[in-house]
Amino acid sequence: MTTGLSAQEILCNIQVNSQQIQGTDKRVFETMTSALKEFINNRRWTNYEFKTNERIECTMVINIRERPSTDLFKASLNIIASRPVYGTSYNSILLNYIDQKFDFEYVEFQALDYQENQFTSNLTSVIAYYIYIILGLDFDTFSQFGGTPYFSKAEQIVSTAQDGAYAGWNSFDDDRNRYWLVENYLNQSYSNLRAFLYDYHFKGLDVMAEQTDQGRAAVAESLKLLESVQSLKPGLFAMQLIVDAKKDEIVNIFKGGNPSEKTEVIKIMKEIDPSNSSTYAKINERN
């Protein structure tokens, strides 16, 4: 991140899908979309100066399932975030996740309120939480453990939201929710998850445009960090989200690898992600 012509950090395409809601005034969803775009894209989330072309791109889709009352909405939230790869026009996905438990209140034309250390709205708390998760992931890919301040802010939101009546914030709600996602990233026992993010992206993908073999070898080496976490805690929530984001990319990277590289990567990925063994077998397919 640099000084100069600066912009906000996040460039988010947010959509509100209300197709499942029948017989209700749809204008509120347009107003909601505009308010959320303003809230996300015009707010300063870090102390860094970003150039316009450095803004972190993400997409959020709110799928409204029910509208039990005028101001109450039951929904899911699909979050996709990516990071550019040095020397290419390619973006590497960091997160692709659907949060199924996203109920919130929204009063049309009322300003969206969010204050750190204070729970005022589940709508803004959930959105802010995922913005900080995205920032944490992004910063971790450019400097080792550089995302800690943002994961800590996400953890702070979890703490302030736990007294509310909304699902997804407490450890006992579920074993795969907002509480556990940030817990996994900040848990020192699983620090190799985040070490992976740096080695895979900065030492691996960012090198591949100019030194393909060297960059690919670094990607292969980074996968051993995930393997170490898998052996410690099989089926970890954050691990599964990383693998979901990366599995197709890993296949594409190693289709061009040497035979020993291919064999090692297939072995590691089948151990980490056995349910997708057939996906990793494609590494051996001819292009």
Protein backbone atom coordinates (compact mmCIF):
# COMPACT_ATOMS: atom_id res chain seq x y z
CA MET A 1 0.00 0.00 0.00
CA THR A 2 1.38 3.39 -0.90
CA THR A 3 0.80 7.09 -0.55
CA GLY A 4 -0.33 9.27 -3.43
CA LEU A 5 -3.78 9.39 -5.00
CA SER A 6 -5.73 7.42 -2.46
CA ALA A 7 -9.01 5.58 -2.35
CA GLN A 8 -10.92 3.53 0.16
CA GLU A 9 -9.60 0.01 0.64
CA ILE A 10 -12.63 -1.99 -0.50
CA LEU A 11 -14.39 -2.08 -3.84
CA CYS A 12 -17.39 -4.28 -3.20
CA ASN A 13 -20.11 -5.21 -5.64
CA ILE A 14 -23.02 -5.84 -3.31
CA GLN A 15 -26.34 -7.23 -4.51
CA VAL A 16 -29.61 -7.91 -2.74
CA ASN A 17 -31.59 -10.74 -4.33
CA SER A 18 -35.28 -10.69 -3.35
CA GLN A 19 -36.63 -13.15 -5.94
CA GLN A 20 -37.88 -15.51 -3.24
CA ILE A 21 -40.04 -12.77 -1.71
CA GLN A 22 -43.45 -12.38 -3.33
CA GLY A 23 -46.11 -9.69 -2.95
CA THR A 24 -44.00 -7.06 -1.22
CA ASP A 25 -42.69 -3.61 -2.12
CA LYS A 26 -39.33 -4.21 -3.80
CA ARG A 27 -38.14 -0.62 -3.49
CA VAL A 28 -36.78 -1.34 -0.02
CA PHE A 29 -34.24 -3.75 -1.54
CA GLU A 30 -32.95 -1.07 -3.90
CA THR A 31 -32.59 1.33 -0.98
CA MET A 32 -30.85 -1.37 1.05
CA THR A 33 -28.39 -2.04 -1.78
CA SER A 34 -27.50 1.64 -2.15
CA ALA A 35 -27.06 2.06 1.60
CA LEU A 36 -24.78 -0.98 1.84
CA LYS A 37 -22.64 0.14 -1.12
CA GLU A 38 -22.16 3.48 0.59
CA PHE A 39 -21.41 1.82 3.94
CA ILE A 40 -18.79 -0.57 2.56
CA ASN A 41 -17.09 1.34 -0.22
CA ASN A 42 -16.94 4.82 1.29
CA ARG A 43 -15.79 3.85 4.78
CA ARG A 44 -12.14 3.79 5.84
CA TRP A 45 -11.41 0.32 7.24
CA THR A 46 -7.64 0.62 7.76
CA ASN A 47 -5.01 3.30 8.32
CA TYR A 48 -3.30 2.52 5.02
CA GLU A 49 -3.45 4.57 1.85
CA PHE A 50 -4.55 2.50 -1.13
CA LYS A 51 -4.17 3.53 -4.76
CA THR A 52 -7.33 3.16 -6.80
CA ASN A 53 -5.95 0.10 -8.59
CA GLU A 54 -4.98 -1.49 -5.24
CA ARG A 55 -8.49 -1.63 -3.86
CA ILE A 56 -9.53 -5.08 -2.70
CA GLU A 57 -12.31 -6.39 -4.91
CA CYS A 58 -15.10 -8.50 -3.48
CA THR A 59 -18.69 -9.47 -4.17
CA MET A 60 -21.42 -9.92 -1.61
CA VAL A 61 -24.85 -11.29 -2.50
CA ILE A 62 -27.62 -11.13 0.10
CA ASN A 63 -30.31 -13.67 -0.76
CA ILE A 64 -33.51 -12.74 1.06
CA ARG A 65 -35.46 -15.88 1.97
CA GLU A 66 -38.19 -14.42 4.15
CA ARG A 67 -39.58 -11.10 5.29
CA PRO A 68 -41.49 -11.97 8.49
CA SER A 69 -42.28 -8.31 9.16
CA THR A 70 -41.69 -4.92 7.53
CA ASP A 71 -38.20 -4.45 8.95
CA LEU A 72 -37.10 -8.04 9.61
CA PHE A 73 -35.33 -10.14 6.98
CA LYS A 74 -34.10 -13.73 6.94
CA ALA A 75 -31.29 -14.25 4.46
CA SER A 76 -28.02 -15.85 3.47
CA LEU A 77 -24.86 -14.01 2.48
CA ASN A 78 -22.47 -15.15 -0.26
CA ILE A 79 -19.01 -13.58 0.02
CA ILE A 80 -16.37 -13.84 -2.72
CA ALA A 81 -13.04 -12.04 -2.42
CA SER A 82 -9.96 -12.22 -4.60
CA ARG A 83 -6.45 -10.85 -4.83
CA PRO A 84 -4.50 -9.87 -7.98
CA VAL A 85 -1.44 -11.91 -8.90
CA TYR A 86 1.71 -9.91 -9.65
CA GLY A 87 2.56 -9.50 -13.32
CA THR A 88 -0.73 -10.94 -14.57
CA SER A 89 -4.37 -9.99 -15.11
CA TYR A 90 -5.37 -13.00 -12.99
CA ASN A 91 -7.16 -12.74 -9.65
CA SER A 92 -6.77 -15.55 -7.12
CA ILE A 93 -9.81 -16.30 -4.95
CA LEU A 94 -9.22 -15.88 -1.22
CA LEU A 95 -12.73 -16.59 0.05
CA ASN A 96 -15.89 -18.05 -1.45
CA TYR A 97 -18.39 -18.77 1.30
CA ILE A 98 -22.13 -18.73 1.95
CA ASP A 99 -23.16 -17.72 5.46
CA GLN A 100 -26.59 -19.34 5.80
CA LYS A 101 -27.55 -17.67 9.08
CA PHE A 102 -27.94 -14.01 8.28
CA ASP A 103 -31.08 -12.54 9.85
CA PHE A 104 -31.24 -8.79 10.32
CA GLU A 105 -33.40 -5.74 10.77
CA TYR A 106 -33.35 -2.90 8.27
CA VAL A 107 -35.43 0.26 8.42
CA GLU A 108 -35.65 1.94 5.03
CA PHE A 109 -33.82 5.29 4.79
CA GLN A 110 -32.37 4.91 8.28
CA ALA A 111 -28.60 5.44 8.24
CA LEU A 112 -26.56 2.26 8.66
CA ASP A 113 -24.89 2.52 12.03
CA TYR A 114 -21.69 0.73 12.99
CA GLN A 115 -19.50 1.52 15.96
CA GLU A 116 -16.50 -0.50 17.06
CA ASN A 117 -16.96 -2.16 20.46
CA GLN A 118 -20.72 -1.71 20.24
CA PHE A 119 -23.43 -3.94 18.77
CA THR A 120 -26.10 -1.80 17.15
CA SER A 121 -27.17 -3.83 14.12
CA ASN A 122 -26.69 -7.41 12.96
CA LEU A 123 -26.69 -6.17 9.36
CA THR A 124 -23.69 -3.87 9.79
CA SER A 125 -21.93 -6.18 12.26
CA VAL A 126 -22.00 -9.14 9.85
CA ILE A 127 -20.89 -7.01 6.90
CA ALA A 128 -18.08 -5.37 8.90
CA TYR A 129 -17.00 -8.78 10.21
CA TYR A 130 -16.53 -10.13 6.68
CA ILE A 131 -14.78 -6.97 5.52
CA TYR A 132 -12.22 -7.47 8.28
CA ILE A 133 -11.89 -11.18 7.43
CA ILE A 134 -11.23 -10.20 3.80
CA LEU A 135 -8.67 -7.59 4.89
CA GLY A 136 -6.99 -10.13 7.15
CA LEU A 137 -6.71 -12.65 4.34
CA ASP A 138 -5.46 -10.06 1.86
CA PHE A 139 -2.82 -8.58 4.18
CA ASP A 140 -1.63 -12.08 5.12
CA THR A 141 -0.84 -12.75 1.45
CA PHE A 142 1.49 -9.75 1.20
CA SER A 143 3.32 -9.98 4.53
CA GLN A 144 3.57 -12.90 6.92
CA PHE A 145 0.81 -12.57 9.53
CA GLY A 146 0.16 -9.03 8.27
CA GLY A 147 -3.58 -9.57 8.65
CA THR A 148 -3.53 -9.91 12.45
CA PRO A 149 -4.99 -6.44 13.21
CA TYR A 150 -7.99 -7.15 10.95
CA PHE A 151 -8.64 -10.65 12.24
CA SER A 152 -8.50 -9.10 15.73
CA LYS A 153 -11.14 -6.56 14.73
CA ALA A 154 -13.33 -9.38 13.40
CA GLU A 155 -12.86 -11.19 16.72
CA GLN A 156 -13.88 -7.99 18.52
CA ILE A 157 -17.12 -7.88 16.51
CA VAL A 158 -17.84 -11.50 17.49
CA SER A 159 -17.38 -10.59 21.13
CA THR A 160 -19.73 -7.59 21.03
CA ALA A 161 -22.36 -9.47 18.98
CA GLN A 162 -22.62 -12.48 21.28
CA ASP A 163 -25.17 -10.89 23.57
CA GLY A 164 -27.54 -10.26 20.67
CA ALA A 165 -30.31 -12.64 19.66
CA TYR A 166 -28.73 -13.58 16.33
CA ALA A 167 -27.20 -16.89 15.25
CA GLY A 168 -23.64 -17.35 14.08
CA TRP A 169 -21.73 -15.49 16.78
CA ASN A 170 -21.43 -18.09 19.53
CA SER A 171 -19.23 -21.17 19.78
CA PHE A 172 -22.19 -23.33 20.76
CA ASP A 173 -24.41 -22.27 17.82
CA ASP A 174 -22.55 -24.37 15.29
CA ASP A 175 -19.04 -25.68 14.67
CA ARG A 176 -18.78 -23.74 11.39
CA ASN A 177 -19.77 -20.15 11.92
CA ARG A 178 -18.35 -16.63 12.38
CA TYR A 179 -17.04 -17.43 15.83
CA TRP A 180 -15.04 -20.44 14.67
CA LEU A 181 -13.75 -18.89 11.45
CA VAL A 182 -11.88 -16.08 13.17
CA GLU A 183 -10.94 -18.35 16.07
CA ASN A 184 -9.20 -20.67 13.61
CA TYR A 185 -7.24 -17.82 12.04
CA LEU A 186 -6.08 -16.38 15.38
CA ASN A 187 -5.41 -19.71 17.11
CA GLN A 188 -1.62 -20.05 17.40
CA SER A 189 -1.92 -23.83 17.07
CA TYR A 190 -3.09 -23.33 13.49
CA SER A 191 -0.66 -20.54 12.55
CA ASN A 192 0.53 -22.54 9.54
CA LEU A 193 -2.83 -21.77 7.90
CA ARG A 194 -1.78 -18.15 7.71
CA ALA A 195 1.86 -18.92 6.94
CA PHE A 196 0.45 -20.81 3.95
CA LEU A 197 -1.38 -17.71 2.70
CA TYR A 198 1.88 -15.77 2.50
CA ASP A 199 4.02 -18.55 1.03
CA TYR A 200 1.41 -19.64 -1.52
CA HIS A 201 0.63 -16.15 -2.83
CA PHE A 202 3.70 -13.97 -2.31
CA LYS A 203 6.45 -16.57 -2.72
CA GLY A 204 4.50 -18.73 -5.16
CA LEU A 205 1.86 -17.17 -7.39
CA ASP A 206 3.53 -13.73 -7.52
CA VAL A 207 6.76 -15.32 -8.75
CA MET A 208 5.21 -17.55 -11.42
CA ALA A 209 4.74 -14.87 -14.10
CA GLU A 210 8.52 -14.39 -14.37
CA GLN A 211 9.89 -17.65 -12.93
CA THR A 212 7.24 -20.29 -13.49
CA ASP A 213 9.10 -23.33 -12.16
CA GLN A 214 10.42 -21.53 -9.09
CA GLY A 215 7.01 -20.10 -8.23
CA ARG A 216 5.25 -23.43 -8.74
CA ALA A 217 7.81 -25.16 -6.49
CA ALA A 218 7.07 -22.59 -3.77
CA VAL A 219 3.34 -23.27 -4.12
CA ALA A 220 4.01 -27.00 -3.75
CA GLU A 221 6.11 -26.38 -0.65
CA SER A 222 3.39 -24.17 0.87
CA LEU A 223 0.89 -27.03 0.70
CA LYS A 224 2.94 -28.86 3.33
CA LEU A 225 1.89 -26.14 5.79
CA LEU A 226 -1.76 -27.07 5.21
CA GLU A 227 -0.83 -30.74 5.58
CA SER A 228 0.64 -30.01 9.03
CA VAL A 229 -2.59 -28.33 10.16
CA GLN A 230 -4.67 -31.20 8.78
CA SER A 231 -2.65 -33.70 10.81
CA LEU A 232 -3.18 -31.59 13.92
CA LYS A 233 -6.90 -30.89 13.45
CA PRO A 234 -8.66 -32.73 10.61
CA GLY A 235 -11.64 -30.94 9.09
CA LEU A 236 -10.84 -27.48 10.47
CA PHE A 237 -13.42 -24.93 9.27
CA ALA A 238 -10.95 -22.29 8.02
CA MET A 239 -8.93 -24.99 6.29
CA GLN A 240 -11.99 -26.16 4.37
CA LEU A 241 -12.70 -22.61 3.19
CA ILE A 242 -9.11 -22.22 1.99
CA VAL A 243 -9.27 -25.52 0.12
CA ASP A 244 -12.66 -24.65 -1.40
CA ALA A 245 -11.17 -21.40 -2.71
CA LYS A 246 -7.98 -22.98 -4.03
CA LYS A 247 -8.70 -26.51 -5.28
CA ASP A 248 -9.35 -25.69 -8.95
CA GLU A 249 -6.43 -23.25 -9.01
CA ILE A 250 -4.09 -25.90 -7.56
CA VAL A 251 -5.14 -28.34 -10.27
CA ASN A 252 -4.45 -25.76 -12.99
CA ILE A 253 -1.05 -24.83 -11.52
CA PHE A 254 0.24 -28.39 -11.30
CA LYS A 255 -1.02 -29.66 -14.63
CA GLY A 256 2.17 -28.00 -15.88
CA GLY A 257 4.36 -29.46 -13.14
CA ASN A 258 6.96 -32.19 -13.35
CA PRO A 259 5.94 -35.80 -12.53
CA SER A 260 7.39 -35.87 -9.01
CA GLU A 261 5.73 -32.53 -8.18
CA LYS A 262 2.40 -33.81 -9.44
CA THR A 263 2.64 -37.01 -7.42
CA GLU A 264 3.51 -35.14 -4.21
CA VAL A 265 0.79 -32.51 -4.62
CA ILE A 266 -1.92 -35.07 -5.41
CA LYS A 267 -0.90 -37.06 -2.31
CA ILE A 268 -1.02 -33.99 -0.05
CA MET A 269 -4.31 -32.66 -1.40
CA LYS A 270 -6.06 -36.03 -1.16
CA GLU A 271 -5.03 -36.18 2.50
CA ILE A 272 -6.21 -32.63 3.17
CA ASP A 273 -9.39 -32.77 1.09
CA PRO A 274 -10.38 -36.42 0.57
CA SER A 275 -13.91 -35.61 -0.59
CA ASN A 276 -12.42 -33.95 -3.68
CA SER A 277 -9.90 -36.65 -4.56
CA SER A 278 -11.29 -36.91 -8.10
CA THR A 279 -10.64 -33.19 -8.61
CA TYR A 280 -6.93 -33.55 -7.76
CA ALA A 281 -6.61 -36.59 -10.01
CA LYS A 282 -7.13 -34.14 -12.91
CA ILE A 283 -3.60 -32.85 -12.31
CA ASN A 284 -2.40 -35.89 -14.25
CA GLU A 285 -4.73 -35.28 -17.17
CA ARG A 286 -3.21 -33.99 -20.38
CA ASN A 287 -4.13 -30.42 -21.29
